[in-house]
């Protein structure tokens, strides 16, 4: 499809790379055109008219002009900048994770209305969530995005034989696409992850619930860790790669956890 020489789009900046002395290469997620790769010339110069509008995670309206090479942003206007994410490393790391995940499931010139709105809504929620609820939002977002794309894990029936699962501890197979019943565990040589009754209930609830309801859920540490391991394994299998920003997210959580422990010890 041939694009017009000049056009405007609503977008979220999901990735940026510095190029040259003052320019930036941006990856934009848009509702109508999927992913766009454009340059923001002079964006890093002091006093740039567009630089402050095209930071990572900014929700913007941009005017784009085409040419022989990469298309170029000629104007930019901020819709939402999500300042609550930028002032908090924990929230920022989670926002970057959501942005990368959205990028991984998008393609150029393919409408992404549902996943675009999902990303905007999740960034808005993340901006005001306490730390203990932020990871639950990530799990909810992952399951909602996977459902939109047709890759949601099977949690009601055995992903192998289709039998309805009894209320009990089971195992999860990313290769088979979901939970596996006791009879099918020994089939194949794919890695199996434990999934307790509690973790399974969390997965099922997050798959069907709106965030307003999911936000009220209280999840124990063991179930939370199991759900995260299951979702990471499933996403890795679906995408055939790791989500790179998950390593940064883990490192931030580790450092913030150590800082909190030191603060508690210092206050005693």
C-alpha atoms as a PDB file:
ATOM      1  CA  UNK A   1       0.000   0.000   0.000  1.00  0.00           C
ATOM      2  CA  UNK A   2       1.387   3.399  -1.011  1.00  0.00           C
ATOM      3  CA  UNK A   3       1.268   6.004   1.733  1.00  0.00           C
ATOM      4  CA  UNK A   4       0.485   9.649   1.023  1.00  0.00           C
ATOM      5  CA  UNK A   5       3.488  11.943   1.017  1.00  0.00           C
ATOM      6  CA  UNK A   6       2.152  13.777   4.070  1.00  0.00           C
ATOM      7  CA  UNK A   7      -0.079  12.275   6.750  1.00  0.00           C
ATOM      8  CA  UNK A   8      -0.865  12.538  10.470  1.00  0.00           C
ATOM      9  CA  UNK A   9      -1.214   9.700  12.971  1.00  0.00           C
ATOM     10  CA  UNK A  10      -1.902   9.098  16.637  1.00  0.00           C
ATOM     11  CA  UNK A  11       0.905   7.017  18.122  1.00  0.00           C
ATOM     12  CA  UNK A  12       2.823   5.784  21.135  1.00  0.00           C
ATOM     13  CA  UNK A  13       6.622   5.876  20.995  1.00  0.00           C
ATOM     14  CA  UNK A  14       7.566   2.279  21.823  1.00  0.00           C
ATOM     15  CA  UNK A  15      11.269   2.404  20.917  1.00  0.00           C
ATOM     16  CA  UNK A  16      13.905   4.990  20.124  1.00  0.00           C
ATOM     17  CA  UNK A  17      17.534   4.925  18.993  1.00  0.00           C
ATOM     18  CA  UNK A  18      19.936   7.830  18.745  1.00  0.00           C
ATOM     19  CA  UNK A  19      21.412   8.294  15.266  1.00  0.00           C
ATOM     20  CA  UNK A  20      23.984  10.799  14.104  1.00  0.00           C
ATOM     21  CA  UNK A  21      24.709  13.816  16.255  1.00  0.00           C
ATOM     22  CA  UNK A  22      21.189  15.017  16.933  1.00  0.00           C
ATOM     23  CA  UNK A  23      18.578  12.728  15.338  1.00  0.00           C
ATOM     24  CA  UNK A  24      16.492   9.877  16.644  1.00  0.00           C
ATOM     25  CA  UNK A  25      15.072   6.797  14.980  1.00  0.00           C
ATOM     26  CA  UNK A  26      11.629   6.091  16.423  1.00  0.00           C
ATOM     27  CA  UNK A  27       9.353   3.070  16.341  1.00  0.00           C
ATOM     28  CA  UNK A  28       5.738   4.165  16.689  1.00  0.00           C
ATOM     29  CA  UNK A  29       2.727   2.005  17.469  1.00  0.00           C
ATOM     30  CA  UNK A  30      -0.317   3.418  15.686  1.00  0.00           C
ATOM     31  CA  UNK A  31      -3.942   2.224  15.653  1.00  0.00           C
ATOM     32  CA  UNK A  32      -4.452   2.400  11.887  1.00  0.00           C
ATOM     33  CA  UNK A  33      -1.011   1.724  10.413  1.00  0.00           C
ATOM     34  CA  UNK A  34       0.551  -0.683  12.891  1.00  0.00           C
ATOM     35  CA  UNK A  35       4.254  -0.043  13.375  1.00  0.00           C
ATOM     36  CA  UNK A  36       5.943   2.939  11.794  1.00  0.00           C
ATOM     37  CA  UNK A  37       9.691   3.558  11.711  1.00  0.00           C
ATOM     38  CA  UNK A  38      10.455   7.242  11.303  1.00  0.00           C
ATOM     39  CA  UNK A  39      13.223   9.718  11.986  1.00  0.00           C
ATOM     40  CA  UNK A  40      12.932  12.746  14.249  1.00  0.00           C
ATOM     41  CA  UNK A  41      15.561  15.090  12.863  1.00  0.00           C
ATOM     42  CA  UNK A  42      17.226  17.331  15.428  1.00  0.00           C
ATOM     43  CA  UNK A  43      15.188  15.827  18.265  1.00  0.00           C
ATOM     44  CA  UNK A  44      18.215  15.773  20.575  1.00  0.00           C
ATOM     45  CA  UNK A  45      19.170  19.393  19.983  1.00  0.00           C
ATOM     46  CA  UNK A  46      18.517  21.839  22.843  1.00  0.00           C
ATOM     47  CA  UNK A  47      15.342  23.759  22.099  1.00  0.00           C
ATOM     48  CA  UNK A  48      14.053  21.218  19.549  1.00  0.00           C
ATOM     49  CA  UNK A  49      10.355  21.766  18.820  1.00  0.00           C
ATOM     50  CA  UNK A  50       9.655  18.042  18.601  1.00  0.00           C
ATOM     51  CA  UNK A  51      12.225  16.507  20.959  1.00  0.00           C
ATOM     52  CA  UNK A  52      10.133  16.708  24.119  1.00  0.00           C
ATOM     53  CA  UNK A  53       7.076  15.282  22.359  1.00  0.00           C
ATOM     54  CA  UNK A  54       8.677  12.071  21.119  1.00  0.00           C
ATOM     55  CA  UNK A  55      10.224  10.585  24.230  1.00  0.00           C
ATOM     56  CA  UNK A  56       9.689   6.906  24.992  1.00  0.00           C
ATOM     57  CA  UNK A  57       6.113   6.045  26.008  1.00  0.00           C
ATOM     58  CA  UNK A  58       4.730   9.413  24.901  1.00  0.00           C
ATOM     59  CA  UNK A  59       1.216   9.302  23.452  1.00  0.00           C
ATOM     60  CA  UNK A  60       1.320  11.795  20.591  1.00  0.00           C
ATOM     61  CA  UNK A  61      -0.141  13.146  17.391  1.00  0.00           C
ATOM     62  CA  UNK A  62       2.562  13.428  14.734  1.00  0.00           C
ATOM     63  CA  UNK A  63       2.686  14.802  11.213  1.00  0.00           C
ATOM     64  CA  UNK A  64       4.900  12.712   8.951  1.00  0.00           C
ATOM     65  CA  UNK A  65       6.419  13.548   5.608  1.00  0.00           C
ATOM     66  CA  UNK A  66       7.616  10.875   3.214  1.00  0.00           C
ATOM     67  CA  UNK A  67      10.666  10.729   1.029  1.00  0.00           C
ATOM     68  CA  UNK A  68      13.058   8.328  -0.637  1.00  0.00           C
ATOM     69  CA  UNK A  69      14.450   7.099   2.667  1.00  0.00           C
ATOM     70  CA  UNK A  70      12.839   6.865   6.067  1.00  0.00           C
ATOM     71  CA  UNK A  71       9.791   9.012   6.676  1.00  0.00           C
ATOM     72  CA  UNK A  72      10.337  12.018   8.906  1.00  0.00           C
ATOM     73  CA  UNK A  73       8.346  13.653  11.677  1.00  0.00           C
ATOM     74  CA  UNK A  74       7.683  17.270  10.783  1.00  0.00           C
ATOM     75  CA  UNK A  75       5.386  18.165  13.704  1.00  0.00           C
ATOM     76  CA  UNK A  76       4.502  16.559  17.032  1.00  0.00           C
ATOM     77  CA  UNK A  77       1.942  17.281  19.727  1.00  0.00           C
ATOM     78  CA  UNK A  78       1.771  15.483  23.072  1.00  0.00           C
ATOM     79  CA  UNK A  79      -1.550  13.918  24.072  1.00  0.00           C
ATOM     80  CA  UNK A  80      -0.246  12.211  27.226  1.00  0.00           C
ATOM     81  CA  UNK A  81       3.330  12.052  28.507  1.00  0.00           C
ATOM     82  CA  UNK A  82       2.698   9.800  31.558  1.00  0.00           C
ATOM     83  CA  UNK A  83       4.950  11.770  33.946  1.00  0.00           C
ATOM     84  CA  UNK A  84       4.131   9.332  36.769  1.00  0.00           C
ATOM     85  CA  UNK A  85       6.126   6.670  34.932  1.00  0.00           C
ATOM     86  CA  UNK A  86       9.215   8.789  34.339  1.00  0.00           C
ATOM     87  CA  UNK A  87       9.669   9.718  37.972  1.00  0.00           C
ATOM     88  CA  UNK A  88       9.545   6.125  39.223  1.00  0.00           C
ATOM     89  CA  UNK A  89      12.037   3.506  38.010  1.00  0.00           C
ATOM     90  CA  UNK A  90       9.779   0.600  38.956  1.00  0.00           C
ATOM     91  CA  UNK A  91       6.856   1.980  36.961  1.00  0.00           C
ATOM     92  CA  UNK A  92       9.110   3.013  34.080  1.00  0.00           C
ATOM     93  CA  UNK A  93      10.620  -0.463  33.741  1.00  0.00           C
ATOM     94  CA  UNK A  94       7.145  -1.975  33.593  1.00  0.00           C
ATOM     95  CA  UNK A  95       6.005   0.608  31.061  1.00  0.00           C
ATOM     96  CA  UNK A  96       8.950  -0.223  28.808  1.00  0.00           C
ATOM     97  CA  UNK A  97       8.071  -3.902  29.112  1.00  0.00           C
ATOM     98  CA  UNK A  98       4.482  -3.226  28.000  1.00  0.00           C
ATOM     99  CA  UNK A  99       5.730  -1.122  25.089  1.00  0.00           C
ATOM    100  CA  UNK A 100       8.090  -3.819  23.852  1.00  0.00           C
ATOM    101  CA  UNK A 101       5.423  -6.475  24.207  1.00  0.00           C
ATOM    102  CA  UNK A 102       3.018  -4.383  22.136  1.00  0.00           C
ATOM    103  CA  UNK A 103       5.696  -3.897  19.487  1.00  0.00           C
ATOM    104  CA  UNK A 104       6.409  -7.623  19.286  1.00  0.00           C
ATOM    105  CA  UNK A 105       2.806  -8.392  18.379  1.00  0.00           C
ATOM    106  CA  UNK A 106       2.407  -5.568  15.851  1.00  0.00           C
ATOM    107  CA  UNK A 107       3.446  -5.403  12.205  1.00  0.00           C
ATOM    108  CA  UNK A 108       3.732  -2.623   9.660  1.00  0.00           C
ATOM    109  CA  UNK A 109       0.610  -1.581   7.752  1.00  0.00           C
ATOM    110  CA  UNK A 110      -1.710  -3.755   9.855  1.00  0.00           C
ATOM    111  CA  UNK A 111      -4.309  -2.013  12.069  1.00  0.00           C
ATOM    112  CA  UNK A 112      -3.751  -2.518  15.781  1.00  0.00           C
ATOM    113  CA  UNK A 113      -6.748  -0.707  17.268  1.00  0.00           C
ATOM    114  CA  UNK A 114      -7.340  -3.095  20.164  1.00  0.00           C
ATOM    115  CA  UNK A 115      -3.702  -3.513  21.229  1.00  0.00           C
ATOM    116  CA  UNK A 116      -3.094   0.238  20.852  1.00  0.00           C
ATOM    117  CA  UNK A 117      -5.978   1.101  23.183  1.00  0.00           C
ATOM    118  CA  UNK A 118      -4.861  -1.652  25.563  1.00  0.00           C
ATOM    119  CA  UNK A 119      -1.371  -0.146  25.792  1.00  0.00           C
ATOM    120  CA  UNK A 120      -2.729   3.357  26.447  1.00  0.00           C
ATOM    121  CA  UNK A 121      -5.128   2.087  29.111  1.00  0.00           C
ATOM    122  CA  UNK A 122      -2.428   0.008  30.833  1.00  0.00           C
ATOM    123  CA  UNK A 123       0.040   2.917  30.900  1.00  0.00           C
ATOM    124  CA  UNK A 124      -2.637   5.091  32.490  1.00  0.00           C
ATOM    125  CA  UNK A 125      -3.293   2.471  35.163  1.00  0.00           C
ATOM    126  CA  UNK A 126       0.400   1.826  35.741  1.00  0.00           C
ATOM    127  CA  UNK A 127       0.988   5.503  36.404  1.00  0.00           C
ATOM    128  CA  UNK A 128      -1.128   5.414  39.568  1.00  0.00           C
ATOM    129  CA  UNK A 129      -0.736   1.830  40.796  1.00  0.00           C
ATOM    130  CA  UNK A 130       1.143   0.908  43.975  1.00  0.00           C
ATOM    131  CA  UNK A 131       4.162  -1.344  43.449  1.00  0.00           C
ATOM    132  CA  UNK A 132       2.454  -4.472  44.803  1.00  0.00           C
ATOM    133  CA  UNK A 133      -0.287  -4.241  42.144  1.00  0.00           C
ATOM    134  CA  UNK A 134       1.890  -3.279  39.168  1.00  0.00           C
ATOM    135  CA  UNK A 135       2.991  -6.815  38.319  1.00  0.00           C
ATOM    136  CA  UNK A 136      -0.610  -8.015  38.407  1.00  0.00           C
ATOM    137  CA  UNK A 137      -1.374  -5.403  35.733  1.00  0.00           C
ATOM    138  CA  UNK A 138       1.411  -6.870  33.582  1.00  0.00           C
ATOM    139  CA  UNK A 139      -0.105 -10.342  33.821  1.00  0.00           C
ATOM    140  CA  UNK A 140      -3.569  -8.995  32.991  1.00  0.00           C
ATOM    141  CA  UNK A 141      -2.169  -7.045  30.045  1.00  0.00           C
ATOM    142  CA  UNK A 142      -0.278 -10.096  28.735  1.00  0.00           C
ATOM    143  CA  UNK A 143      -3.387 -12.274  28.824  1.00  0.00           C
ATOM    144  CA  UNK A 144      -5.576  -9.593  27.237  1.00  0.00           C
ATOM    145  CA  UNK A 145      -3.039  -8.998  24.450  1.00  0.00           C
ATOM    146  CA  UNK A 146      -2.622 -12.731  23.826  1.00  0.00           C
ATOM    147  CA  UNK A 147      -6.408 -13.129  23.656  1.00  0.00           C
ATOM    148  CA  UNK A 148      -6.629 -10.309  21.102  1.00  0.00           C
ATOM    149  CA  UNK A 149      -4.005 -12.048  18.965  1.00  0.00           C
ATOM    150  CA  UNK A 150      -5.511 -15.528  19.295  1.00  0.00           C
ATOM    151  CA  UNK A 151      -2.673 -16.952  21.396  1.00  0.00           C
ATOM    152  CA  UNK A 152      -4.211 -17.089  24.877  1.00  0.00           C
ATOM    153  CA  UNK A 153      -3.083 -20.109  26.930  1.00  0.00           C
ATOM    154  CA  UNK A 154      -5.614 -22.862  27.529  1.00  0.00           C
ATOM    155  CA  UNK A 155      -6.586 -22.899  31.217  1.00  0.00           C
ATOM    156  CA  UNK A 156      -9.965 -24.678  31.320  1.00  0.00           C
ATOM    157  CA  UNK A 157      -9.192 -27.903  29.470  1.00  0.00           C
ATOM    158  CA  UNK A 158      -6.117 -30.033  28.933  1.00  0.00           C
ATOM    159  CA  UNK A 159      -4.157 -28.478  26.085  1.00  0.00           C
ATOM    160  CA  UNK A 160      -3.220 -31.986  24.933  1.00  0.00           C
ATOM    161  CA  UNK A 161      -6.340 -34.159  25.058  1.00  0.00           C
ATOM    162  CA  UNK A 162      -9.054 -31.535  25.592  1.00  0.00           C
ATOM    163  CA  UNK A 163     -10.428 -33.096  28.793  1.00  0.00           C
ATOM    164  CA  UNK A 164     -11.913 -30.665  31.303  1.00  0.00           C
ATOM    165  CA  UNK A 165      -9.473 -30.102  34.135  1.00  0.00           C
ATOM    166  CA  UNK A 166     -10.394 -31.039  37.677  1.00  0.00           C
ATOM    167  CA  UNK A 167      -9.773 -28.553  40.482  1.00  0.00           C
ATOM    168  CA  UNK A 168      -6.274 -29.661  41.419  1.00  0.00           C
ATOM    169  CA  UNK A 169      -2.640 -28.775  40.887  1.00  0.00           C
ATOM    170  CA  UNK A 170      -1.566 -29.255  37.275  1.00  0.00           C
ATOM    171  CA  UNK A 171       1.387 -28.493  35.022  1.00  0.00           C
ATOM    172  CA  UNK A 172       1.776 -26.021  32.191  1.00  0.00           C
ATOM    173  CA  UNK A 173       3.304 -26.755  28.789  1.00  0.00           C
ATOM    174  CA  UNK A 174       4.217 -23.764  26.641  1.00  0.00           C
ATOM    175  CA  UNK A 175       4.806 -26.052  23.666  1.00  0.00           C
ATOM    176  CA  UNK A 176       1.289 -27.478  23.955  1.00  0.00           C
ATOM    177  CA  UNK A 177      -0.262 -24.098  24.692  1.00  0.00           C
ATOM    178  CA  UNK A 178      -1.648 -24.472  28.180  1.00  0.00           C
ATOM    179  CA  UNK A 179      -2.368 -26.618  31.197  1.00  0.00           C
ATOM    180  CA  UNK A 180      -1.950 -30.370  30.906  1.00  0.00           C
ATOM    181  CA  UNK A 181      -3.900 -33.057  32.755  1.00  0.00           C
ATOM    182  CA  UNK A 182      -2.215 -35.861  34.770  1.00  0.00           C
ATOM    183  CA  UNK A 183      -2.752 -38.422  31.997  1.00  0.00           C
ATOM    184  CA  UNK A 184      -0.934 -36.282  29.418  1.00  0.00           C
ATOM    185  CA  UNK A 185       1.997 -35.136  31.528  1.00  0.00           C
ATOM    186  CA  UNK A 186       4.294 -37.904  30.361  1.00  0.00           C
ATOM    187  CA  UNK A 187       3.577 -37.367  26.662  1.00  0.00           C
ATOM    188  CA  UNK A 188       6.395 -35.598  24.909  1.00  0.00           C
ATOM    189  CA  UNK A 189       9.622 -34.221  26.316  1.00  0.00           C
ATOM    190  CA  UNK A 190       8.678 -30.533  26.544  1.00  0.00           C
ATOM    191  CA  UNK A 191       9.435 -28.670  29.797  1.00  0.00           C
ATOM    192  CA  UNK A 192       6.560 -28.604  32.267  1.00  0.00           C
ATOM    193  CA  UNK A 193       5.984 -25.870  34.835  1.00  0.00           C
ATOM    194  CA  UNK A 194       4.042 -26.334  38.079  1.00  0.00           C
ATOM    195  CA  UNK A 195       0.656 -24.629  38.286  1.00  0.00           C
ATOM    196  CA  UNK A 196      -1.063 -24.747  41.658  1.00  0.00           C
ATOM    197  CA  UNK A 197      -4.809 -24.490  42.173  1.00  0.00           C
ATOM    198  CA  UNK A 198      -4.316 -20.893  43.292  1.00  0.00           C
ATOM    199  CA  UNK A 199      -2.203 -19.951  40.263  1.00  0.00           C
ATOM    200  CA  UNK A 200      -4.728 -21.546  37.910  1.00  0.00           C
ATOM    201  CA  UNK A 201      -7.556 -19.561  39.495  1.00  0.00           C
ATOM    202  CA  UNK A 202      -5.558 -16.355  39.019  1.00  0.00           C
ATOM    203  CA  UNK A 203      -4.898 -17.150  35.344  1.00  0.00           C
ATOM    204  CA  UNK A 204      -8.543 -17.925  34.672  1.00  0.00           C
ATOM    205  CA  UNK A 205      -9.772 -14.816  36.447  1.00  0.00           C
ATOM    206  CA  UNK A 206      -7.320 -12.491  34.695  1.00  0.00           C
ATOM    207  CA  UNK A 207      -8.292 -13.928  31.303  1.00  0.00           C
ATOM    208  CA  UNK A 208     -11.937 -12.949  31.680  1.00  0.00           C
ATOM    209  CA  UNK A 209     -11.927  -9.957  34.043  1.00  0.00           C
ATOM    210  CA  UNK A 210     -11.886  -6.267  33.272  1.00  0.00           C
ATOM    211  CA  UNK A 211      -8.998  -4.488  34.960  1.00  0.00           C
ATOM    212  CA  UNK A 212     -11.335  -2.751  37.423  1.00  0.00           C
ATOM    213  CA  UNK A 213     -12.191  -6.194  38.818  1.00  0.00           C
ATOM    214  CA  UNK A 214      -8.712  -7.686  38.410  1.00  0.00           C
ATOM    215  CA  UNK A 215      -7.210  -4.808  40.405  1.00  0.00           C
ATOM    216  CA  UNK A 216      -9.104  -6.002  43.494  1.00  0.00           C
ATOM    217  CA  UNK A 217      -7.476  -9.450  43.360  1.00  0.00           C
ATOM    218  CA  UNK A 218      -5.018 -10.349  46.103  1.00  0.00           C
ATOM    219  CA  UNK A 219      -2.423 -12.926  45.087  1.00  0.00           C
ATOM    220  CA  UNK A 220       0.040 -14.731  47.358  1.00  0.00           C
ATOM    221  CA  UNK A 221       3.750 -14.647  46.574  1.00  0.00           C
ATOM    222  CA  UNK A 222       3.982 -18.299  45.504  1.00  0.00           C
ATOM    223  CA  UNK A 223       1.014 -18.058  43.142  1.00  0.00           C
ATOM    224  CA  UNK A 224       2.286 -14.740  41.776  1.00  0.00           C
ATOM    225  CA  UNK A 225       5.686 -16.266  40.950  1.00  0.00           C
ATOM    226  CA  UNK A 226       4.086 -19.313  39.323  1.00  0.00           C
ATOM    227  CA  UNK A 227       1.797 -17.191  37.166  1.00  0.00           C
ATOM    228  CA  UNK A 228       4.731 -15.049  36.037  1.00  0.00           C
ATOM    229  CA  UNK A 229       6.846 -18.097  35.143  1.00  0.00           C
ATOM    230  CA  UNK A 230       3.955 -19.595  33.184  1.00  0.00           C
ATOM    231  CA  UNK A 231       3.312 -16.373  31.279  1.00  0.00           C
ATOM    232  CA  UNK A 232       6.979 -15.831  30.454  1.00  0.00           C
ATOM    233  CA  UNK A 233       7.296 -19.355  29.128  1.00  0.00           C
ATOM    234  CA  UNK A 234       4.141 -18.989  27.048  1.00  0.00           C
ATOM    235  CA  UNK A 235       5.201 -15.627  25.611  1.00  0.00           C
ATOM    236  CA  UNK A 236       8.668 -16.938  24.792  1.00  0.00           C
ATOM    237  CA  UNK A 237       7.139 -19.840  22.879  1.00  0.00           C
ATOM    238  CA  UNK A 238       4.616 -17.680  21.016  1.00  0.00           C
ATOM    239  CA  UNK A 239       7.175 -15.001  20.101  1.00  0.00           C
ATOM    240  CA  UNK A 240      10.085 -17.439  19.671  1.00  0.00           C
ATOM    241  CA  UNK A 241      12.247 -15.063  21.707  1.00  0.00           C
ATOM    242  CA  UNK A 242      12.462 -13.417  25.114  1.00  0.00           C
ATOM    243  CA  UNK A 243      11.029  -9.982  25.743  1.00  0.00           C
ATOM    244  CA  UNK A 244      14.348  -8.174  26.223  1.00  0.00           C
ATOM    245  CA  UNK A 245      13.064  -5.568  28.655  1.00  0.00           C
ATOM    246  CA  UNK A 246      12.039  -8.310  31.114  1.00  0.00           C
ATOM    247  CA  UNK A 247      15.704  -8.569  32.155  1.00  0.00           C
ATOM    248  CA  UNK A 248      15.767  -4.834  32.937  1.00  0.00           C
ATOM    249  CA  UNK A 249      12.492  -5.194  34.829  1.00  0.00           C
ATOM    250  CA  UNK A 250      13.938  -8.038  36.916  1.00  0.00           C
ATOM    251  CA  UNK A 251      17.062  -6.039  37.714  1.00  0.00           C
ATOM    252  CA  UNK A 252      15.029  -3.003  38.798  1.00  0.00           C
ATOM    253  CA  UNK A 253      12.790  -5.117  41.000  1.00  0.00           C
ATOM    254  CA  UNK A 254      15.829  -6.730  42.573  1.00  0.00           C
ATOM    255  CA  UNK A 255      17.507  -3.408  43.312  1.00  0.00           C
ATOM    256  CA  UNK A 256      14.337  -1.814  44.668  1.00  0.00           C
ATOM    257  CA  UNK A 257      13.743  -4.870  46.842  1.00  0.00           C
ATOM    258  CA  UNK A 258      17.236  -4.610  48.315  1.00  0.00           C
ATOM    259  CA  UNK A 259      16.725  -0.886  48.924  1.00  0.00           C
ATOM    260  CA  UNK A 260      13.442  -1.549  50.722  1.00  0.00           C
ATOM    261  CA  UNK A 261      15.071  -4.201  52.918  1.00  0.00           C
ATOM    262  CA  UNK A 262      17.873  -1.796  53.863  1.00  0.00           C
ATOM    263  CA  UNK A 263      15.346   0.916  54.669  1.00  0.00           C
ATOM    264  CA  UNK A 264      13.425  -1.464  56.926  1.00  0.00           C
ATOM    265  CA  UNK A 265      16.599  -2.532  58.724  1.00  0.00           C
ATOM    266  CA  UNK A 266      17.687   1.070  59.143  1.00  0.00           C
ATOM    267  CA  UNK A 267      14.357   1.974  60.691  1.00  0.00           C
ATOM    268  CA  UNK A 268      14.600  -0.628  63.433  1.00  0.00           C
END
